[in-house]
Amino acid sequence: MNRLITICSRIYFLDLTRISFSTTIFRYGVVNVALFLTPLVFDQPQIIVGSLVNFLLIYIALNFRKAQLLPAIFLPSIAAVLRGSLLGSLTPSLLVLMPFIWIANAVLIGSIRALVFKNIGLKGSLFISALLKSIALLLMAFIVVKALNLNEALLVAMGPIQLLTASIGSVIYLIVHKAEKGIIATGK
């Protein structure tokens, strides 16, 4: 867990002020590359990979504009399918579920933005959004698993595991965000 927080902190606190072109564009590129490479390079455990991906999705949701959100919705699941081993023997089923994973990622990003901008508060927004993402994905996966007679183990990966990884990603984001506020307040 400490290693995961360290990785997320390094991404969050990238010092991009010394780059001659737009730091926003560079930061956006780094986060999207990380979103793609995380499931592509690290195949297991799903809890760590998923938590890091959800942290990055939250970061994108809260730091970039609407059109910039689209790659984040698609990149992690495309990378997981290309890697071919994130869910072991269940990975081929991931192809069928990819559109629903995209919808769930969009639910996470969209609900975070909507709730934060409606002044629900960051903690509440992250919790509600993690719950919405996991419920949406579990319901869609349940329908697909039953309709196509897929392995029911997918339901665990697409429901409770998604809630867990979105929750861990949220906690990490809150820890890193709080640390950033402390650094800004002290001027370090």
C-alpha atoms as a PDB file:
ATOM      1  CA  MET A   1       0.000   0.000   0.000  1.00  0.00           C
ATOM      2  CA  ASN A   2       2.859   2.391   0.828  1.00  0.00           C
ATOM      3  CA  ARG A   3       4.455   1.655  -2.536  1.00  0.00           C
ATOM      4  CA  LEU A   4       1.188   2.422  -4.315  1.00  0.00           C
ATOM      5  CA  ILE A   5       0.852   5.724  -2.417  1.00  0.00           C
ATOM      6  CA  THR A   6       4.462   6.597  -3.300  1.00  0.00           C
ATOM      7  CA  ILE A   7       3.829   5.956  -7.018  1.00  0.00           C
ATOM      8  CA  CYS A   8       0.617   7.993  -6.937  1.00  0.00           C
ATOM      9  CA  SER A   9       2.357  10.829  -5.064  1.00  0.00           C
ATOM     10  CA  ARG A  10       5.090  11.005  -7.689  1.00  0.00           C
ATOM     11  CA  ILE A  11       2.509  11.269 -10.460  1.00  0.00           C
ATOM     12  CA  TYR A  12       0.467  13.825  -8.537  1.00  0.00           C
ATOM     13  CA  PHE A  13       3.445  16.008  -7.634  1.00  0.00           C
ATOM     14  CA  LEU A  14       5.251  15.990 -10.975  1.00  0.00           C
ATOM     15  CA  ASP A  15       7.236  19.203 -11.131  1.00  0.00           C
ATOM     16  CA  LEU A  16       6.465  20.323 -14.630  1.00  0.00           C
ATOM     17  CA  THR A  17       7.355  23.987 -14.175  1.00  0.00           C
ATOM     18  CA  ARG A  18      10.713  23.632 -15.896  1.00  0.00           C
ATOM     19  CA  ILE A  19       9.300  22.423 -19.194  1.00  0.00           C
ATOM     20  CA  SER A  20       9.262  24.969 -22.010  1.00  0.00           C
ATOM     21  CA  PHE A  21       5.969  23.906 -23.600  1.00  0.00           C
ATOM     22  CA  SER A  22       2.592  23.849 -21.901  1.00  0.00           C
ATOM     23  CA  THR A  23       2.875  22.047 -18.595  1.00  0.00           C
ATOM     24  CA  THR A  24      -0.808  21.190 -18.735  1.00  0.00           C
ATOM     25  CA  ILE A  25      -0.341  19.366 -22.022  1.00  0.00           C
ATOM     26  CA  PHE A  26       2.712  17.551 -20.690  1.00  0.00           C
ATOM     27  CA  ARG A  27       0.976  16.580 -17.435  1.00  0.00           C
ATOM     28  CA  TYR A  28      -2.048  15.413 -19.430  1.00  0.00           C
ATOM     29  CA  GLY A  29       0.191  13.288 -21.641  1.00  0.00           C
ATOM     30  CA  VAL A  30       2.038  11.771 -18.684  1.00  0.00           C
ATOM     31  CA  VAL A  31      -1.198  10.822 -16.917  1.00  0.00           C
ATOM     32  CA  ASN A  32      -2.698   9.271 -20.058  1.00  0.00           C
ATOM     33  CA  VAL A  33       0.491   7.327 -20.780  1.00  0.00           C
ATOM     34  CA  ALA A  34       0.416   6.094 -17.168  1.00  0.00           C
ATOM     35  CA  LEU A  35      -3.243   5.107 -17.603  1.00  0.00           C
ATOM     36  CA  PHE A  36      -2.273   3.011 -20.616  1.00  0.00           C
ATOM     37  CA  LEU A  37       0.999   1.561 -19.338  1.00  0.00           C
ATOM     38  CA  THR A  38      -0.201   0.579 -15.855  1.00  0.00           C
ATOM     39  CA  PRO A  39      -2.447  -2.319 -16.985  1.00  0.00           C
ATOM     40  CA  LEU A  40      -0.153  -3.074 -19.924  1.00  0.00           C
ATOM     41  CA  VAL A  41       3.033  -3.450 -17.877  1.00  0.00           C
ATOM     42  CA  PHE A  42       1.672  -4.675 -14.539  1.00  0.00           C
ATOM     43  CA  ASP A  43      -0.591  -7.660 -14.915  1.00  0.00           C
ATOM     44  CA  GLN A  44      -1.230  -8.557 -11.266  1.00  0.00           C
ATOM     45  CA  PRO A  45      -2.540  -8.091  -8.659  1.00  0.00           C
ATOM     46  CA  GLN A  46      -5.728  -6.553  -9.929  1.00  0.00           C
ATOM     47  CA  ILE A  47      -6.223  -4.661  -6.655  1.00  0.00           C
ATOM     48  CA  ILE A  48      -3.004  -2.669  -7.135  1.00  0.00           C
ATOM     49  CA  VAL A  49      -3.402  -2.166 -10.882  1.00  0.00           C
ATOM     50  CA  GLY A  50      -7.065  -1.191 -10.496  1.00  0.00           C
ATOM     51  CA  SER A  51      -6.353   1.155  -7.588  1.00  0.00           C
ATOM     52  CA  LEU A  52      -3.661   2.985  -9.534  1.00  0.00           C
ATOM     53  CA  VAL A  53      -5.898   3.226 -12.610  1.00  0.00           C
ATOM     54  CA  ASN A  54      -8.769   4.586 -10.508  1.00  0.00           C
ATOM     55  CA  PHE A  55      -6.428   7.109  -8.863  1.00  0.00           C
ATOM     56  CA  LEU A  56      -5.418   8.296 -12.338  1.00  0.00           C
ATOM     57  CA  LEU A  57      -9.063   8.436 -13.488  1.00  0.00           C
ATOM     58  CA  ILE A  58      -9.888  10.589 -10.459  1.00  0.00           C
ATOM     59  CA  TYR A  59      -6.888  12.821 -11.151  1.00  0.00           C
ATOM     60  CA  ILE A  60      -8.003  13.281 -14.768  1.00  0.00           C
ATOM     61  CA  ALA A  61     -11.599  13.959 -13.684  1.00  0.00           C
ATOM     62  CA  LEU A  62     -10.573  16.729 -11.304  1.00  0.00           C
ATOM     63  CA  ASN A  63      -7.762  18.352 -13.273  1.00  0.00           C
ATOM     64  CA  PHE A  64      -8.756  18.442 -16.935  1.00  0.00           C
ATOM     65  CA  ARG A  65     -11.576  19.649 -19.170  1.00  0.00           C
ATOM     66  CA  LYS A  66     -14.388  17.720 -20.834  1.00  0.00           C
ATOM     67  CA  ALA A  67     -12.788  16.801 -24.166  1.00  0.00           C
ATOM     68  CA  GLN A  68      -9.588  15.785 -22.387  1.00  0.00           C
ATOM     69  CA  LEU A  69     -11.479  13.161 -20.378  1.00  0.00           C
ATOM     70  CA  LEU A  70     -12.227  10.846 -23.310  1.00  0.00           C
ATOM     71  CA  PRO A  71      -8.903   8.980 -23.629  1.00  0.00           C
ATOM     72  CA  ALA A  72      -8.967   8.157 -19.912  1.00  0.00           C
ATOM     73  CA  ILE A  73     -12.260   6.347 -20.351  1.00  0.00           C
ATOM     74  CA  PHE A  74     -10.865   3.976 -22.982  1.00  0.00           C
ATOM     75  CA  LEU A  75      -7.128   3.537 -22.380  1.00  0.00           C
ATOM     76  CA  PRO A  76      -7.016   1.241 -19.297  1.00  0.00           C
ATOM     77  CA  SER A  77      -9.282  -1.493 -20.659  1.00  0.00           C
ATOM     78  CA  ILE A  78      -7.638  -1.412 -24.094  1.00  0.00           C
ATOM     79  CA  ALA A  79      -4.254  -1.891 -22.416  1.00  0.00           C
ATOM     80  CA  ALA A  80      -5.617  -4.716 -20.232  1.00  0.00           C
ATOM     81  CA  VAL A  81      -6.891  -6.556 -23.302  1.00  0.00           C
ATOM     82  CA  LEU A  82      -3.585  -6.002 -25.116  1.00  0.00           C
ATOM     83  CA  ARG A  83      -1.733  -7.367 -22.093  1.00  0.00           C
ATOM     84  CA  GLY A  84      -4.046 -10.375 -22.098  1.00  0.00           C
ATOM     85  CA  SER A  85      -3.449 -11.434 -18.536  1.00  0.00           C
ATOM     86  CA  LEU A  86      -5.077  -9.001 -16.121  1.00  0.00           C
ATOM     87  CA  LEU A  87      -7.986 -11.343 -15.470  1.00  0.00           C
ATOM     88  CA  GLY A  88      -6.166 -14.557 -16.402  1.00  0.00           C
ATOM     89  CA  SER A  89      -8.400 -16.947 -18.311  1.00  0.00           C
ATOM     90  CA  LEU A  90     -11.220 -14.396 -18.081  1.00  0.00           C
ATOM     91  CA  THR A  91      -9.411 -11.840 -20.274  1.00  0.00           C
ATOM     92  CA  PRO A  92     -11.239 -12.877 -23.511  1.00  0.00           C
ATOM     93  CA  SER A  93     -14.505 -12.042 -21.754  1.00  0.00           C
ATOM     94  CA  LEU A  94     -13.057  -8.599 -21.126  1.00  0.00           C
ATOM     95  CA  LEU A  95     -13.409  -7.930 -24.852  1.00  0.00           C
ATOM     96  CA  VAL A  96     -17.161  -8.382 -24.552  1.00  0.00           C
ATOM     97  CA  LEU A  97     -17.297  -6.214 -21.447  1.00  0.00           C
ATOM     98  CA  MET A  98     -15.055  -3.402 -22.757  1.00  0.00           C
ATOM     99  CA  PRO A  99     -17.900  -1.087 -23.816  1.00  0.00           C
ATOM    100  CA  PHE A 100     -19.450  -1.486 -20.372  1.00  0.00           C
ATOM    101  CA  ILE A 101     -16.127  -0.801 -18.660  1.00  0.00           C
ATOM    102  CA  TRP A 102     -15.918   2.364 -20.752  1.00  0.00           C
ATOM    103  CA  ILE A 103     -19.381   3.358 -19.574  1.00  0.00           C
ATOM    104  CA  ALA A 104     -18.398   2.644 -15.951  1.00  0.00           C
ATOM    105  CA  ASN A 105     -15.239   4.756 -16.290  1.00  0.00           C
ATOM    106  CA  ALA A 106     -17.364   7.542 -17.764  1.00  0.00           C
ATOM    107  CA  VAL A 107     -19.773   7.194 -14.817  1.00  0.00           C
ATOM    108  CA  LEU A 108     -16.852   7.521 -12.376  1.00  0.00           C
ATOM    109  CA  ILE A 109     -15.331  10.554 -14.094  1.00  0.00           C
ATOM    110  CA  GLY A 110     -18.644  12.259 -14.836  1.00  0.00           C
ATOM    111  CA  SER A 111     -20.132  11.730 -11.404  1.00  0.00           C
ATOM    112  CA  ILE A 112     -16.992  12.967  -9.631  1.00  0.00           C
ATOM    113  CA  ARG A 113     -17.037  16.141 -11.699  1.00  0.00           C
ATOM    114  CA  ALA A 114     -20.770  16.670 -11.271  1.00  0.00           C
ATOM    115  CA  LEU A 115     -20.752  16.075  -7.522  1.00  0.00           C
ATOM    116  CA  VAL A 116     -17.643  18.145  -6.802  1.00  0.00           C
ATOM    117  CA  PHE A 117     -18.971  21.034  -8.876  1.00  0.00           C
ATOM    118  CA  LYS A 118     -22.277  20.806  -6.968  1.00  0.00           C
ATOM    119  CA  ASN A 119     -20.294  21.296  -3.748  1.00  0.00           C
ATOM    120  CA  ILE A 120     -20.966  17.812  -2.366  1.00  0.00           C
ATOM    121  CA  GLY A 121     -17.383  17.776  -1.075  1.00  0.00           C
ATOM    122  CA  LEU A 122     -14.437  15.776  -2.315  1.00  0.00           C
ATOM    123  CA  LYS A 123     -14.743  12.814   0.071  1.00  0.00           C
ATOM    124  CA  GLY A 124     -18.470  12.390  -0.525  1.00  0.00           C
ATOM    125  CA  SER A 125     -18.085  12.828  -4.266  1.00  0.00           C
ATOM    126  CA  LEU A 126     -15.377  10.182  -4.468  1.00  0.00           C
ATOM    127  CA  PHE A 127     -17.328   7.701  -2.340  1.00  0.00           C
ATOM    128  CA  ILE A 128     -20.594   8.149  -4.232  1.00  0.00           C
ATOM    129  CA  SER A 129     -18.796   7.991  -7.583  1.00  0.00           C
ATOM    130  CA  ALA A 130     -16.949   4.778  -6.650  1.00  0.00           C
ATOM    131  CA  LEU A 131     -20.250   3.247  -5.620  1.00  0.00           C
ATOM    132  CA  LEU A 132     -21.996   4.386  -8.815  1.00  0.00           C
ATOM    133  CA  LYS A 133     -19.199   3.005 -10.994  1.00  0.00           C
ATOM    134  CA  SER A 134     -19.203  -0.395  -9.329  1.00  0.00           C
ATOM    135  CA  ILE A 135     -23.008  -0.707  -9.330  1.00  0.00           C
ATOM    136  CA  ALA A 136     -23.246   0.317 -12.988  1.00  0.00           C
ATOM    137  CA  LEU A 137     -20.524  -2.110 -14.036  1.00  0.00           C
ATOM    138  CA  LEU A 138     -21.905  -4.959 -11.928  1.00  0.00           C
ATOM    139  CA  LEU A 139     -25.403  -4.548 -13.378  1.00  0.00           C
ATOM    140  CA  MET A 140     -24.137  -4.417 -16.958  1.00  0.00           C
ATOM    141  CA  ALA A 141     -21.784  -7.363 -16.375  1.00  0.00           C
ATOM    142  CA  PHE A 142     -24.584  -9.376 -14.771  1.00  0.00           C
ATOM    143  CA  ILE A 143     -26.775  -8.929 -17.843  1.00  0.00           C
ATOM    144  CA  VAL A 144     -23.926  -9.844 -20.228  1.00  0.00           C
ATOM    145  CA  VAL A 145     -22.763 -12.825 -18.152  1.00  0.00           C
ATOM    146  CA  LYS A 146     -26.289 -14.240 -18.000  1.00  0.00           C
ATOM    147  CA  ALA A 147     -27.112 -13.470 -21.641  1.00  0.00           C
ATOM    148  CA  LEU A 148     -23.882 -14.936 -23.040  1.00  0.00           C
ATOM    149  CA  ASN A 149     -23.417 -17.625 -20.383  1.00  0.00           C
ATOM    150  CA  LEU A 150     -19.966 -16.312 -19.411  1.00  0.00           C
ATOM    151  CA  ASN A 151     -18.015 -17.317 -16.332  1.00  0.00           C
ATOM    152  CA  GLU A 152     -19.731 -15.873 -13.259  1.00  0.00           C
ATOM    153  CA  ALA A 153     -16.341 -15.115 -11.693  1.00  0.00           C
ATOM    154  CA  LEU A 154     -16.442 -11.992 -13.865  1.00  0.00           C
ATOM    155  CA  LEU A 155     -19.133 -10.629 -11.579  1.00  0.00           C
ATOM    156  CA  VAL A 156     -16.672 -10.454  -8.676  1.00  0.00           C
ATOM    157  CA  ALA A 157     -14.111  -8.655 -10.848  1.00  0.00           C
ATOM    158  CA  MET A 158     -16.743  -6.268 -12.224  1.00  0.00           C
ATOM    159  CA  GLY A 159     -18.515  -5.496  -8.935  1.00  0.00           C
ATOM    160  CA  PRO A 160     -16.887  -5.820  -5.515  1.00  0.00           C
ATOM    161  CA  ILE A 161     -13.328  -5.600  -6.867  1.00  0.00           C
ATOM    162  CA  GLN A 162     -14.262  -2.444  -8.792  1.00  0.00           C
ATOM    163  CA  LEU A 163     -15.716  -0.905  -5.643  1.00  0.00           C
ATOM    164  CA  LEU A 164     -12.586  -1.836  -3.702  1.00  0.00           C
ATOM    165  CA  THR A 165     -10.147  -0.489  -6.296  1.00  0.00           C
ATOM    166  CA  ALA A 166     -12.156   2.714  -6.821  1.00  0.00           C
ATOM    167  CA  SER A 167     -12.270   3.183  -3.036  1.00  0.00           C
ATOM    168  CA  ILE A 168      -8.531   2.594  -2.638  1.00  0.00           C
ATOM    169  CA  GLY A 169      -7.813   4.942  -5.554  1.00  0.00           C
ATOM    170  CA  SER A 170     -10.050   7.533  -3.864  1.00  0.00           C
ATOM    171  CA  VAL A 171      -8.273   7.196  -0.514  1.00  0.00           C
ATOM    172  CA  ILE A 172      -4.892   7.540  -2.206  1.00  0.00           C
ATOM    173  CA  TYR A 173      -6.108  10.611  -4.072  1.00  0.00           C
ATOM    174  CA  LEU A 174      -7.334  12.143  -0.805  1.00  0.00           C
ATOM    175  CA  ILE A 175      -3.999  11.418   0.921  1.00  0.00           C
ATOM    176  CA  VAL A 176      -1.977  12.919  -1.915  1.00  0.00           C
ATOM    177  CA  HIS A 177      -4.354  15.881  -2.275  1.00  0.00           C
ATOM    178  CA  LYS A 178      -4.133  16.602   1.458  1.00  0.00           C
ATOM    179  CA  ALA A 179      -0.337  16.415   1.275  1.00  0.00           C
ATOM    180  CA  GLU A 180      -0.354  18.886  -1.620  1.00  0.00           C
ATOM    181  CA  LYS A 181      -2.515  21.317   0.347  1.00  0.00           C
ATOM    182  CA  GLY A 182      -0.074  21.057   3.247  1.00  0.00           C
ATOM    183  CA  ILE A 183       2.888  21.767   0.987  1.00  0.00           C
ATOM    184  CA  ILE A 184       1.159  24.752  -0.589  1.00  0.00           C
ATOM    185  CA  ALA A 185       0.127  26.122   2.821  1.00  0.00           C
ATOM    186  CA  THR A 186       3.675  25.897   4.198  1.00  0.00           C
ATOM    187  CA  GLY A 187       5.249  27.196   1.002  1.00  0.00           C
ATOM    188  CA  LYS A 188       7.639  24.262   0.591  1.00  0.00           C
END
